N, C-alpha and C. Protein backbone atom coordinates (compact mmCIF):
# COMPACT_ATOMS: atom_id res chain seq x y z
N MET A 1 74.85 119.79 121.31
CA MET A 1 74.31 119.31 120.62
C MET A 1 73.93 119.93 119.46
N LYS A 2 74.10 121.34 119.19
CA LYS A 2 73.85 122.40 118.17
C LYS A 2 75.34 122.24 117.38
N LYS A 3 76.31 121.90 117.60
CA LYS A 3 77.26 121.47 117.26
C LYS A 3 77.10 120.87 116.06
N LEU A 4 76.98 119.29 117.04
CA LEU A 4 76.79 117.80 116.05
C LEU A 4 75.77 118.00 115.24
N LYS A 5 74.26 118.92 115.20
CA LYS A 5 73.94 118.77 113.93
C LYS A 5 74.41 120.01 113.03
N LEU A 6 75.26 121.01 113.15
CA LEU A 6 75.88 121.60 112.33
C LEU A 6 76.86 120.94 111.59
N LEU A 7 77.38 119.91 112.23
CA LEU A 7 78.37 119.23 111.14
C LEU A 7 77.74 118.41 110.71
N ALA A 8 76.72 116.91 110.84
CA ALA A 8 75.85 116.80 110.29
C ALA A 8 75.27 117.72 108.89
N LEU A 9 75.08 118.51 108.92
CA LEU A 9 74.13 119.29 107.96
C LEU A 9 75.33 119.62 106.70
N ALA A 10 76.87 120.45 107.62
CA ALA A 10 77.59 120.41 106.83
C ALA A 10 78.11 119.21 105.75
N ALA A 11 78.32 118.00 106.85
CA ALA A 11 79.06 116.83 105.94
C ALA A 11 77.71 116.82 104.81
N THR A 12 76.60 116.75 104.97
CA THR A 12 75.46 116.47 104.34
C THR A 12 75.61 117.44 102.81
N ALA A 13 75.44 118.85 103.31
CA ALA A 13 76.27 119.66 101.94
C ALA A 13 77.03 119.45 101.32
N PHE A 14 78.13 119.14 102.30
CA PHE A 14 79.53 118.84 101.29
C PHE A 14 79.18 117.23 100.31
N ILE A 15 78.76 116.29 100.69
CA ILE A 15 78.36 115.12 99.99
C ILE A 15 77.69 115.88 98.88
N ALA A 16 76.32 116.66 99.11
CA ALA A 16 75.50 116.69 98.05
C ALA A 16 76.64 117.82 97.06
N VAL A 17 77.32 118.41 97.33
CA VAL A 17 77.75 119.57 96.13
C VAL A 17 79.06 118.98 95.51
N PHE A 18 80.03 118.45 96.20
CA PHE A 18 80.96 117.82 95.62
C PHE A 18 81.18 116.31 95.15
N ALA A 19 80.47 115.51 96.13
CA ALA A 19 80.74 114.12 95.69
C ALA A 19 79.49 113.66 95.17
N GLY A 20 78.76 114.30 94.05
CA GLY A 20 77.38 114.26 93.19
C GLY A 20 76.09 113.20 94.07
N GLY A 21 76.18 113.76 94.93
CA GLY A 21 74.57 113.45 96.25
C GLY A 21 75.00 111.86 97.00
N ILE A 22 73.76 111.55 97.69
CA ILE A 22 73.75 110.54 98.52
C ILE A 22 73.15 109.63 98.07
N GLY A 23 73.58 108.49 97.78
CA GLY A 23 72.77 107.22 96.77
C GLY A 23 73.88 106.28 96.65
N THR A 24 73.40 105.71 95.49
CA THR A 24 74.25 104.64 95.14
C THR A 24 74.09 104.46 93.25
N GLY A 25 74.91 104.62 92.99
CA GLY A 25 74.51 104.62 91.07
C GLY A 25 75.55 103.97 90.35
N ALA A 26 75.62 104.00 89.36
CA ALA A 26 76.72 103.13 88.36
C ALA A 26 76.49 103.99 87.00
N VAL A 27 77.77 104.40 86.29
CA VAL A 27 78.32 105.38 85.89
C VAL A 27 79.05 104.08 84.79
N ALA A 28 78.90 104.26 83.59
CA ALA A 28 80.01 103.52 82.80
C ALA A 28 80.44 104.73 81.51
N ALA A 29 81.03 104.30 80.91
CA ALA A 29 81.86 105.59 79.60
C ALA A 29 81.86 104.90 78.73
N SER A 30 81.63 105.55 77.55
CA SER A 30 82.13 104.56 76.14
C SER A 30 83.24 103.72 76.09
N ALA A 31 83.15 102.38 74.96
CA ALA A 31 84.12 101.95 74.92
C ALA A 31 84.86 102.30 73.73
N GLU A 32 85.91 103.27 73.92
CA GLU A 32 86.91 103.58 73.12
C GLU A 32 88.07 103.27 73.07
N THR A 33 88.95 102.79 71.98
CA THR A 33 90.10 102.09 71.59
C THR A 33 90.91 103.15 72.81
N ALA A 34 90.96 104.29 72.70
CA ALA A 34 92.15 105.29 73.63
C ALA A 34 91.34 105.18 74.97
N ALA A 35 89.99 105.32 75.19
CA ALA A 35 90.09 105.51 76.47
C ALA A 35 89.46 103.99 77.31
N PRO A 36 89.90 104.32 78.44
CA PRO A 36 89.17 103.02 79.59
C PRO A 36 87.96 102.95 79.80
N VAL A 37 87.51 101.94 79.82
CA VAL A 37 86.10 101.08 80.06
C VAL A 37 85.98 101.64 81.77
N VAL A 38 85.09 102.98 82.39
CA VAL A 38 85.05 102.83 83.63
C VAL A 38 83.88 103.04 84.07
N GLN A 39 83.54 102.23 85.35
CA GLN A 39 82.28 101.90 85.94
C GLN A 39 82.19 102.62 87.38
N THR A 40 81.66 102.90 88.56
CA THR A 40 81.76 103.57 89.50
C THR A 40 80.95 103.10 90.31
N ALA A 41 81.02 102.59 91.35
CA ALA A 41 80.15 102.58 92.65
C ALA A 41 80.07 103.88 93.64
N THR A 42 79.24 104.24 94.28
CA THR A 42 79.30 105.22 95.30
C THR A 42 78.31 104.43 96.31
N MET A 43 78.71 104.67 98.09
CA MET A 43 77.97 104.04 98.65
C MET A 43 78.05 105.06 99.69
N ALA A 44 76.59 105.48 100.45
CA ALA A 44 76.71 106.27 101.59
C ALA A 44 75.47 105.86 102.68
N GLU A 45 76.18 105.99 103.71
CA GLU A 45 75.83 105.31 104.58
C GLU A 45 74.91 106.09 105.71
N THR A 46 74.04 105.82 106.62
CA THR A 46 73.05 106.69 107.28
C THR A 46 74.09 107.36 108.54
N ARG A 47 75.34 107.16 108.67
CA ARG A 47 76.16 107.40 109.40
C ARG A 47 77.16 108.81 109.37
N GLY A 48 76.95 108.79 107.84
CA GLY A 48 77.36 110.14 107.47
C GLY A 48 78.70 109.29 106.67
N LEU A 49 79.15 108.35 106.37
CA LEU A 49 80.21 107.76 106.09
C LEU A 49 80.10 107.52 104.43
N TYR A 50 80.74 107.60 103.51
CA TYR A 50 80.61 107.76 101.83
C TYR A 50 81.90 107.29 101.40
N VAL A 51 82.16 106.40 100.22
CA VAL A 51 82.90 105.82 99.69
C VAL A 51 82.80 105.99 98.15
N ASN A 52 83.72 106.42 97.83
CA ASN A 52 83.43 106.61 95.83
C ASN A 52 84.61 105.26 95.70
N ILE A 53 84.09 104.32 95.23
CA ILE A 53 85.24 103.69 94.34
C ILE A 53 85.09 103.86 92.87
N SER A 54 85.82 103.56 91.85
CA SER A 54 85.93 103.06 90.61
C SER A 54 86.63 101.74 90.08
N LEU A 55 86.09 101.38 88.99
CA LEU A 55 86.77 100.23 88.46
C LEU A 55 87.33 100.12 87.27
N THR A 56 88.37 100.07 86.65
CA THR A 56 88.69 100.42 85.11
C THR A 56 88.96 99.57 84.69
N LEU A 57 88.94 98.66 83.44
CA LEU A 57 89.54 97.77 82.50
C LEU A 57 90.33 98.33 81.20
N GLN A 58 91.00 98.21 80.85
CA GLN A 58 91.93 98.96 80.39
C GLN A 58 93.35 98.28 79.67
N SER A 59 93.80 98.28 78.53
CA SER A 59 94.89 97.18 78.01
C SER A 59 96.11 98.23 78.64
N ASP A 60 97.54 97.34 78.36
CA ASP A 60 98.77 98.49 78.29
C ASP A 60 99.66 97.41 77.58
N GLY A 61 99.06 97.81 76.25
CA GLY A 61 100.40 96.41 75.46
C GLY A 61 99.76 95.66 75.52
N ASP A 62 100.02 94.00 75.73
CA ASP A 62 99.67 92.98 76.07
C ASP A 62 99.29 92.65 76.78
N ARG A 63 98.69 93.59 78.23
CA ARG A 63 98.86 93.31 79.61
C ARG A 63 96.99 94.06 79.44
N ILE A 64 96.27 92.99 80.23
CA ILE A 64 95.12 93.77 80.12
C ILE A 64 94.93 94.10 81.91
N CYS A 65 94.49 94.94 82.37
CA CYS A 65 94.64 95.03 83.63
C CYS A 65 92.98 96.02 83.93
N ALA A 66 92.84 95.50 85.38
CA ALA A 66 91.69 95.63 85.94
C ALA A 66 91.71 96.52 87.16
N ILE A 67 91.78 97.79 87.57
CA ILE A 67 92.20 98.94 88.57
C ILE A 67 91.06 99.34 89.30
N ALA A 68 91.16 99.42 90.20
CA ALA A 68 90.50 100.11 91.57
C ALA A 68 90.90 101.04 92.20
N LYS A 69 90.27 102.01 92.28
CA LYS A 69 90.78 103.32 92.59
C LYS A 69 89.50 103.75 93.64
N ASN A 70 90.30 104.25 95.11
CA ASN A 70 88.96 104.69 96.05
C ASN A 70 89.39 106.04 95.48
N HIS A 71 88.42 107.02 95.11
CA HIS A 71 88.74 108.14 95.09
C HIS A 71 88.49 109.39 96.35
N PHE A 72 87.77 108.74 97.07
CA PHE A 72 87.11 109.82 98.50
C PHE A 72 86.37 108.64 99.49
N THR A 73 86.67 109.22 100.65
CA THR A 73 85.95 108.81 101.57
C THR A 73 86.15 109.76 102.69
N LEU A 74 84.46 109.67 103.07
CA LEU A 74 84.29 110.82 104.08
C LEU A 74 84.25 109.89 105.48
N PHE A 75 85.64 110.44 106.19
CA PHE A 75 85.74 110.26 107.61
C PHE A 75 86.65 108.48 107.29
N PRO A 76 87.33 108.69 108.30
CA PRO A 76 87.86 107.50 107.86
C PRO A 76 87.42 106.29 108.35
N SER A 77 87.66 105.36 107.32
CA SER A 77 87.46 103.78 107.32
C SER A 77 88.28 103.02 106.78
N THR A 78 87.98 101.73 106.88
CA THR A 78 88.80 100.57 106.33
C THR A 78 88.05 100.04 105.23
N VAL A 79 88.60 100.19 103.75
CA VAL A 79 87.99 99.42 102.46
C VAL A 79 88.37 97.81 102.07
N GLU A 80 87.95 97.14 102.10
CA GLU A 80 88.36 95.88 102.19
C GLU A 80 87.76 95.85 100.65
N VAL A 81 88.92 95.54 100.06
CA VAL A 81 88.99 95.45 98.24
C VAL A 81 88.95 93.79 97.53
N TYR A 82 88.95 93.41 96.60
CA TYR A 82 88.92 92.30 95.97
C TYR A 82 88.94 92.74 94.45
N ILE A 83 89.95 92.06 94.03
CA ILE A 83 89.59 92.84 92.12
C ILE A 83 89.83 91.26 91.52
N TYR A 84 88.75 90.96 90.52
CA TYR A 84 89.13 89.53 90.06
C TYR A 84 88.98 90.47 88.10
N LEU A 85 90.07 89.56 87.86
CA LEU A 85 90.16 89.74 85.81
C LEU A 85 89.84 88.59 85.65
N TYR A 86 88.85 88.39 84.91
CA TYR A 86 88.35 87.27 84.11
C TYR A 86 88.50 87.31 82.24
N PHE A 87 88.89 85.99 82.04
CA PHE A 87 89.10 86.26 80.26
C PHE A 87 88.26 84.49 79.50
N SER A 88 87.99 84.77 78.68
CA SER A 88 86.75 84.09 77.87
C SER A 88 87.58 84.60 76.72
N GLU A 89 87.30 82.89 75.73
CA GLU A 89 87.96 83.20 74.20
C GLU A 89 86.52 83.18 73.39
N GLU A 90 85.61 82.87 73.82
CA GLU A 90 84.18 82.85 74.10
C GLU A 90 83.18 84.05 74.53
N GLU A 91 82.14 84.84 74.08
CA GLU A 91 81.69 85.50 74.74
C GLU A 91 81.02 85.30 75.73
N PRO A 92 80.99 85.74 76.65
CA PRO A 92 80.45 84.78 78.28
C PRO A 92 79.36 85.54 78.60
N ASP A 93 78.43 84.82 79.02
CA ASP A 93 76.66 85.20 79.46
C ASP A 93 77.26 86.06 81.18
N SER A 94 78.25 85.40 81.72
CA SER A 94 78.32 85.70 83.10
C SER A 94 79.92 85.48 83.09
N TYR A 95 80.60 86.05 84.17
CA TYR A 95 81.88 85.88 84.51
C TYR A 95 82.29 84.63 85.31
N GLU A 96 81.00 84.28 85.68
CA GLU A 96 81.11 82.87 85.87
C GLU A 96 81.34 81.42 84.76
N ASP A 97 81.41 82.09 83.48
CA ASP A 97 81.93 81.29 82.68
C ASP A 97 83.09 81.55 81.89
N MET A 98 83.83 82.41 82.86
CA MET A 98 84.89 82.74 82.57
C MET A 98 86.31 82.17 83.19
N THR A 99 87.58 81.87 82.92
CA THR A 99 88.45 81.72 83.78
C THR A 99 88.95 82.76 84.22
N MET A 100 89.82 82.61 85.80
CA MET A 100 90.12 83.88 86.23
C MET A 100 91.75 84.10 86.47
N PRO A 101 92.29 84.77 85.20
CA PRO A 101 93.46 84.88 85.44
C PRO A 101 94.58 85.96 86.43
N ALA A 102 93.80 86.44 86.98
CA ALA A 102 94.19 87.43 88.15
C ALA A 102 93.58 87.55 88.96
N MET A 103 94.17 88.28 90.12
CA MET A 103 93.05 88.48 91.52
C MET A 103 94.02 89.34 92.08
N THR A 104 93.16 89.87 93.31
CA THR A 104 94.30 90.97 94.02
C THR A 104 93.91 91.17 95.01
N TYR A 105 94.20 91.00 96.33
CA TYR A 105 93.85 91.26 97.72
C TYR A 105 93.87 92.74 97.92
N ILE A 106 93.25 93.48 98.66
CA ILE A 106 93.50 94.82 99.94
C ILE A 106 93.02 95.06 100.55
N PRO A 107 93.27 94.98 101.62
CA PRO A 107 93.15 95.17 102.98
C PRO A 107 92.83 96.29 103.42
N ASP A 108 92.91 97.64 102.86
CA ASP A 108 92.51 98.67 103.07
C ASP A 108 93.33 99.53 102.00
N LEU A 109 92.22 99.89 101.00
CA LEU A 109 92.27 100.68 99.80
C LEU A 109 91.78 102.36 100.45
N ASP A 110 93.15 102.97 100.64
CA ASP A 110 93.20 104.23 101.17
C ASP A 110 92.96 105.20 100.30
N GLN A 111 92.06 106.32 100.58
CA GLN A 111 91.72 107.56 99.94
C GLN A 111 92.54 107.72 98.91
N GLY A 112 92.50 107.92 97.62
CA GLY A 112 93.47 108.32 96.64
C GLY A 112 94.04 107.54 95.89
N GLU A 113 94.42 106.28 97.15
CA GLU A 113 95.00 104.68 96.25
C GLU A 113 94.10 104.27 95.24
N SER A 114 95.05 103.80 94.23
CA SER A 114 94.54 102.31 93.37
C SER A 114 95.31 101.20 93.55
N GLN A 115 94.91 100.24 92.96
CA GLN A 115 95.52 98.87 92.79
C GLN A 115 95.21 98.29 91.58
N MET A 116 95.28 97.41 91.22
CA MET A 116 95.62 96.38 90.37
C MET A 116 95.68 94.79 89.84
N ALA A 117 94.65 94.37 89.20
CA ALA A 117 94.66 93.15 88.89
C ALA A 117 95.54 92.77 87.62
N MET A 118 96.56 91.88 87.24
CA MET A 118 97.02 91.82 85.34
C MET A 118 97.27 90.78 84.84
N ALA A 119 97.00 90.69 84.16
CA ALA A 119 97.40 89.39 82.81
C ALA A 119 97.77 90.01 81.86
N ARG A 120 98.70 89.20 81.16
CA ARG A 120 98.97 89.37 79.83
C ARG A 120 97.93 88.39 78.71
N THR A 121 97.57 88.94 77.76
CA THR A 121 96.63 87.84 76.79
C THR A 121 97.31 87.14 76.06
N ASN A 122 99.01 86.72 76.14
CA ASN A 122 99.65 85.35 75.44
C ASN A 122 99.45 85.14 73.89
N GLY A 123 99.03 86.59 73.54
CA GLY A 123 98.71 86.56 71.94
C GLY A 123 97.62 86.27 71.63
N ARG A 124 96.62 85.65 72.75
CA ARG A 124 95.09 85.50 72.20
C ARG A 124 94.18 86.66 72.21
N THR A 125 93.21 86.44 70.88
CA THR A 125 92.15 87.27 71.61
C THR A 125 91.19 86.50 72.15
N GLY A 126 90.39 87.15 72.80
CA GLY A 126 89.45 86.98 73.97
C GLY A 126 88.76 88.04 74.68
N TRP A 127 87.32 87.78 75.37
CA TRP A 127 86.69 88.43 75.75
C TRP A 127 87.46 88.88 77.63
N TRP A 128 87.14 90.27 77.74
CA TRP A 128 87.77 90.43 79.58
C TRP A 128 87.12 90.99 80.19
N LEU A 129 86.90 90.87 81.54
CA LEU A 129 85.97 91.43 81.99
C LEU A 129 86.87 91.54 83.74
N ALA A 130 86.31 93.10 84.28
CA ALA A 130 87.13 92.94 85.49
C ALA A 130 85.14 93.34 86.47
N ARG A 131 85.92 92.86 87.94
CA ARG A 131 84.91 92.31 88.81
C ARG A 131 85.49 93.07 89.76
N LEU A 132 85.03 93.49 91.03
CA LEU A 132 85.36 94.19 92.28
C LEU A 132 84.46 94.08 93.39
N ARG A 133 85.01 93.37 94.60
CA ARG A 133 84.19 93.19 95.87
C ARG A 133 84.79 94.11 96.79
N TYR A 134 83.70 95.06 97.20
CA TYR A 134 84.82 95.89 98.52
C TYR A 134 83.56 95.92 99.64
N GLN A 135 83.98 96.35 100.87
CA GLN A 135 83.18 96.47 101.91
C GLN A 135 83.90 97.82 103.06
N ARG A 136 82.95 98.66 103.44
CA ARG A 136 83.87 99.71 104.48
C ARG A 136 83.06 99.01 105.62
N ASP A 137 84.58 98.90 106.71
CA ASP A 137 84.47 99.01 108.15
C ASP A 137 83.25 97.56 108.11
N SER A 138 83.35 96.70 107.51
CA SER A 138 82.24 95.42 107.72
C SER A 138 81.02 95.88 107.52
N SER A 139 80.43 96.58 106.84
CA SER A 139 79.53 97.05 106.75
C SER A 139 78.65 95.95 105.58
N GLY A 140 79.39 94.83 104.77
CA GLY A 140 78.71 94.10 103.95
C GLY A 140 79.29 94.43 102.76
N TRP A 141 79.11 93.50 101.85
CA TRP A 141 80.02 92.96 100.42
C TRP A 141 79.34 93.74 99.38
N LYS A 142 79.93 94.82 99.13
CA LYS A 142 78.95 95.31 97.66
C LYS A 142 79.76 94.81 96.49
N GLU A 143 79.27 94.76 95.39
CA GLU A 143 80.09 94.19 94.27
C GLU A 143 79.90 95.35 93.13
N LEU A 144 80.71 95.59 92.09
CA LEU A 144 80.80 96.21 90.81
C LEU A 144 81.55 95.01 89.71
N GLN A 145 80.95 95.45 88.56
CA GLN A 145 81.87 94.75 87.66
C GLN A 145 81.73 95.62 85.87
N THR A 146 82.51 95.10 85.30
CA THR A 146 82.51 96.03 84.13
C THR A 146 81.62 95.04 83.15
N ASP A 147 82.04 95.54 81.92
CA ASP A 147 80.95 94.83 80.49
C ASP A 147 82.41 94.12 80.17
N ALA A 148 81.80 92.84 79.31
CA ALA A 148 82.85 91.94 78.86
C ALA A 148 83.51 92.97 77.78
N PHE A 149 84.40 93.15 77.46
CA PHE A 149 85.19 93.34 76.02
C PHE A 149 86.08 92.58 75.52
N LEU A 150 86.38 92.70 74.03
CA LEU A 150 86.82 92.06 73.19
C LEU A 150 88.45 92.55 72.75
N TYR A 151 89.12 91.90 72.95
CA TYR A 151 90.57 92.48 73.13
C TYR A 151 91.66 91.34 72.27
N ASP A 152 91.94 92.34 71.36
CA ASP A 152 92.96 91.09 71.07
C ASP A 152 94.45 90.67 71.51
N GLY A 153 95.13 89.66 71.04
CA GLY A 153 96.19 89.73 71.44
C GLY A 153 97.28 91.10 71.62
N ASP A 154 97.24 91.69 71.02
CA ASP A 154 98.39 92.67 71.31
C ASP A 154 97.71 93.73 72.23
N GLY A 155 96.01 93.29 72.49
CA GLY A 155 95.78 94.57 73.43
C GLY A 155 95.06 95.49 73.25
N ASN A 156 94.76 95.49 71.91
CA ASN A 156 93.95 96.30 71.29
C ASN A 156 92.44 96.51 71.53
N LEU A 157 91.24 96.74 71.70
CA LEU A 157 89.81 96.88 71.87
C LEU A 157 89.39 96.82 70.36
N LEU A 158 88.79 95.73 70.89
CA LEU A 158 87.82 95.38 69.25
C LEU A 158 86.99 95.73 69.01
């Protein structure tokens, strides 16, 4: 029993020091042309399991990419992920007002791995948004999404 308490204390200290604490939060970086747009979700459970996933919206030439990365998972778990990429020629109020040109499903996004959903601009200027749905070990779905950003037909952030 003493070893179990010591293990729980060590895991809690590790999370607090190296993974930014226990809890749920979101962080958004500024939208600059050279820098990708990043929003990060973290999830901690009472059993001591922890997942840190980020969602990035960025361009690569005339391709717009929604990239999900599992930065850290404490203890083995299955992280099921859906990545959605949305487009609209007019500024949207919600992703529900947009079309979905790309979607990717990953049955288990392992720690350190990234996956993406990608679509071409086809020369059109428009608003793009990335959305992520994930769950750890069937614990219930969580969502994360970026803001909608305007890109020109060449993939430049406007």
